[in-house]
Amino acid sequence: MGVTFKENVDDLRNSKVFDIIDKLSQISEVTHIYDPLLINKKNIEINNMKFKILRNPKLGYYDIIIISVAHDCFKNMGKNKIKMFGNKDSVIFDIKKLFKKDRRYLYL
């Protein structure tokens, strides 16, 4: 969740989130990207890697959810709605500490 350079902007230049995505793609079949600030873009290419931007994440689907950019829209969405994107065993990594800690959230 979130791939832009910093919160509440649609600029991808210098975004370090793609480093995380690159590592995940080495161990995961599919990595989905959801960033409402990029809603007008369907696909992006960074460092010769192509990514599809989701318009709406699937409910009850994801094993791992990473909140990597602290967009206001994610804060307004709330952690309960974000949890709904994960399956029953999912883990959420809140890298930016957008929400208060609970047992299903891990902070890096």
C-alpha atoms as a PDB file:
ATOM      1  CA  MET A   1       0.000   0.000   0.000  1.00  0.00           C
ATOM      2  CA  GLY A   2       1.683   3.105  -1.313  1.00  0.00           C
ATOM      3  CA  VAL A   3       4.647   3.359  -3.679  1.00  0.00           C
ATOM      4  CA  THR A   4       5.271   7.071  -4.079  1.00  0.00           C
ATOM      5  CA  PHE A   5       8.367   8.887  -2.872  1.00  0.00           C
ATOM      6  CA  LYS A   6       6.582  10.312   0.153  1.00  0.00           C
ATOM      7  CA  GLU A   7       3.118  10.643   1.620  1.00  0.00           C
ATOM      8  CA  ASN A   8       0.367  12.497  -0.204  1.00  0.00           C
ATOM      9  CA  VAL A   9       2.283  13.065  -3.445  1.00  0.00           C
ATOM     10  CA  ASP A  10       2.092  11.189  -6.754  1.00  0.00           C
ATOM     11  CA  ASP A  11       5.816  11.385  -7.526  1.00  0.00           C
ATOM     12  CA  LEU A  12       7.588   8.038  -7.979  1.00  0.00           C
ATOM     13  CA  ARG A  13      11.099   9.413  -8.414  1.00  0.00           C
ATOM     14  CA  ASN A  14      13.516   8.134  -5.762  1.00  0.00           C
ATOM     15  CA  SER A  15      10.877   5.858  -4.195  1.00  0.00           C
ATOM     16  CA  LYS A  16      12.600   3.130  -2.204  1.00  0.00           C
ATOM     17  CA  VAL A  17       9.408   1.067  -2.118  1.00  0.00           C
ATOM     18  CA  PHE A  18      10.432  -0.566  -5.388  1.00  0.00           C
ATOM     19  CA  ASP A  19      13.451  -2.051  -3.624  1.00  0.00           C
ATOM     20  CA  ILE A  20      11.026  -3.843  -1.304  1.00  0.00           C
ATOM     21  CA  ILE A  21       8.864  -4.936  -4.228  1.00  0.00           C
ATOM     22  CA  ASP A  22      11.923  -6.238  -6.075  1.00  0.00           C
ATOM     23  CA  LYS A  23      12.886  -8.406  -3.085  1.00  0.00           C
ATOM     24  CA  LEU A  24       9.313  -9.645  -2.650  1.00  0.00           C
ATOM     25  CA  SER A  25       9.064 -10.603  -6.307  1.00  0.00           C
ATOM     26  CA  GLN A  26      11.982 -12.991  -5.788  1.00  0.00           C
ATOM     27  CA  ILE A  27       9.984 -15.022  -3.263  1.00  0.00           C
ATOM     28  CA  SER A  28       6.379 -14.349  -4.246  1.00  0.00           C
ATOM     29  CA  GLU A  29       4.453 -15.258  -7.360  1.00  0.00           C
ATOM     30  CA  VAL A  30       2.467 -12.029  -7.385  1.00  0.00           C
ATOM     31  CA  THR A  31       2.968  -8.611  -5.850  1.00  0.00           C
ATOM     32  CA  HIS A  32       0.046  -6.211  -6.104  1.00  0.00           C
ATOM     33  CA  ILE A  33       0.454  -2.450  -5.841  1.00  0.00           C
ATOM     34  CA  TYR A  34      -2.267  -0.215  -4.456  1.00  0.00           C
ATOM     35  CA  ASP A  35      -1.704   3.518  -4.349  1.00  0.00           C
ATOM     36  CA  PRO A  36      -4.785   5.729  -4.754  1.00  0.00           C
ATOM     37  CA  LEU A  37      -2.568   8.682  -5.646  1.00  0.00           C
ATOM     38  CA  LEU A  38      -1.652   6.847  -8.852  1.00  0.00           C
ATOM     39  CA  ILE A  39      -5.238   5.948  -9.774  1.00  0.00           C
ATOM     40  CA  ASN A  40      -4.865   7.499 -13.245  1.00  0.00           C
ATOM     41  CA  LYS A  41      -1.962   5.185 -14.080  1.00  0.00           C
ATOM     42  CA  LYS A  42      -2.668   1.597 -15.087  1.00  0.00           C
ATOM     43  CA  ASN A  43       0.910   0.443 -15.426  1.00  0.00           C
ATOM     44  CA  ILE A  44       4.297   1.810 -14.449  1.00  0.00           C
ATOM     45  CA  GLU A  45       7.842   0.780 -15.252  1.00  0.00           C
ATOM     46  CA  ILE A  46      10.698   1.321 -12.815  1.00  0.00           C
ATOM     47  CA  ASN A  47      14.217  -0.048 -13.311  1.00  0.00           C
ATOM     48  CA  ASN A  48      13.034  -2.257 -16.188  1.00  0.00           C
ATOM     49  CA  MET A  49      10.339  -3.790 -13.970  1.00  0.00           C
ATOM     50  CA  LYS A  50       6.704  -3.415 -14.988  1.00  0.00           C
ATOM     51  CA  PHE A  51       3.933  -3.119 -12.424  1.00  0.00           C
ATOM     52  CA  LYS A  52       0.171  -2.976 -12.603  1.00  0.00           C
ATOM     53  CA  ILE A  53      -1.525  -0.487 -10.288  1.00  0.00           C
ATOM     54  CA  LEU A  54      -4.682  -1.859  -8.669  1.00  0.00           C
ATOM     55  CA  ARG A  55      -7.765   0.326  -8.582  1.00  0.00           C
ATOM     56  CA  ASN A  56      -9.263  -1.729  -5.741  1.00  0.00           C
ATOM     57  CA  PRO A  57      -7.503  -4.365  -3.642  1.00  0.00           C
ATOM     58  CA  LYS A  58      -9.286  -7.694  -3.268  1.00  0.00           C
ATOM     59  CA  LEU A  59     -11.058  -8.339   0.028  1.00  0.00           C
ATOM     60  CA  GLY A  60      -9.905 -11.342   2.081  1.00  0.00           C
ATOM     61  CA  TYR A  61      -7.138 -12.136  -0.374  1.00  0.00           C
ATOM     62  CA  TYR A  62      -3.656 -11.070   0.710  1.00  0.00           C
ATOM     63  CA  ASP A  63      -1.172 -13.012   2.846  1.00  0.00           C
ATOM     64  CA  ILE A  64       0.960  -9.952   3.537  1.00  0.00           C
ATOM     65  CA  ILE A  65       0.007  -6.283   3.457  1.00  0.00           C
ATOM     66  CA  ILE A  66       2.756  -3.694   3.624  1.00  0.00           C
ATOM     67  CA  ILE A  67       1.832  -0.101   4.380  1.00  0.00           C
ATOM     68  CA  SER A  68       4.919   1.544   2.953  1.00  0.00           C
ATOM     69  CA  VAL A  69       3.747   5.139   2.486  1.00  0.00           C
ATOM     70  CA  ALA A  70       1.700   7.031   5.090  1.00  0.00           C
ATOM     71  CA  HIS A  71      -0.875   8.553   2.747  1.00  0.00           C
ATOM     72  CA  ASP A  72      -3.760  10.334   4.487  1.00  0.00           C
ATOM     73  CA  CYS A  73      -6.167   8.182   2.457  1.00  0.00           C
ATOM     74  CA  PHE A  74      -4.817   5.052   4.207  1.00  0.00           C
ATOM     75  CA  LYS A  75      -5.150   6.685   7.615  1.00  0.00           C
ATOM     76  CA  ASN A  76      -8.705   7.750   6.758  1.00  0.00           C
ATOM     77  CA  MET A  77      -9.443   4.229   5.523  1.00  0.00           C
ATOM     78  CA  GLY A  78      -8.521   2.917   8.964  1.00  0.00           C
ATOM     79  CA  LYS A  79      -6.759  -0.254   9.961  1.00  0.00           C
ATOM     80  CA  ASN A  80      -9.965  -2.277  10.237  1.00  0.00           C
ATOM     81  CA  LYS A  81     -10.754  -1.760   6.562  1.00  0.00           C
ATOM     82  CA  ILE A  82      -7.143  -2.451   5.628  1.00  0.00           C
ATOM     83  CA  LYS A  83      -7.309  -5.700   7.629  1.00  0.00           C
ATOM     84  CA  MET A  84     -10.258  -6.736   5.464  1.00  0.00           C
ATOM     85  CA  PHE A  85      -7.918  -6.968   2.460  1.00  0.00           C
ATOM     86  CA  GLY A  86      -5.995  -9.750   4.182  1.00  0.00           C
ATOM     87  CA  ASN A  87      -6.989 -13.364   4.550  1.00  0.00           C
ATOM     88  CA  LYS A  88      -7.578 -14.865   8.007  1.00  0.00           C
ATOM     89  CA  ASP A  89      -3.854 -15.559   8.522  1.00  0.00           C
ATOM     90  CA  SER A  90      -2.488 -12.364   7.002  1.00  0.00           C
ATOM     91  CA  VAL A  91       0.188 -10.179   8.527  1.00  0.00           C
ATOM     92  CA  ILE A  92       0.345  -6.416   8.127  1.00  0.00           C
ATOM     93  CA  PHE A  93       3.663  -4.573   8.131  1.00  0.00           C
ATOM     94  CA  ASP A  94       3.081  -0.926   8.949  1.00  0.00           C
ATOM     95  CA  ILE A  95       6.491   0.473   8.028  1.00  0.00           C
ATOM     96  CA  LYS A  96       5.475   4.091   8.653  1.00  0.00           C
ATOM     97  CA  LYS A  97       3.709   3.361  11.963  1.00  0.00           C
ATOM     98  CA  LEU A  98       0.503   4.881  10.643  1.00  0.00           C
ATOM     99  CA  PHE A  99      -1.615   3.007  13.187  1.00  0.00           C
ATOM    100  CA  LYS A 100      -1.290   2.000  16.814  1.00  0.00           C
ATOM    101  CA  LYS A 101       0.189  -1.391  17.428  1.00  0.00           C
ATOM    102  CA  ASP A 102      -1.934  -4.498  17.777  1.00  0.00           C
ATOM    103  CA  ARG A 103      -1.205  -8.198  17.508  1.00  0.00           C
ATOM    104  CA  ARG A 104      -1.752  -8.384  13.707  1.00  0.00           C
ATOM    105  CA  TYR A 105       0.540  -5.449  12.982  1.00  0.00           C
ATOM    106  CA  LEU A 106       4.307  -5.626  12.811  1.00  0.00           C
ATOM    107  CA  TYR A 107       6.477  -2.531  12.801  1.00  0.00           C
ATOM    108  CA  LEU A 108       9.833  -2.304  11.080  1.00  0.00           C
END
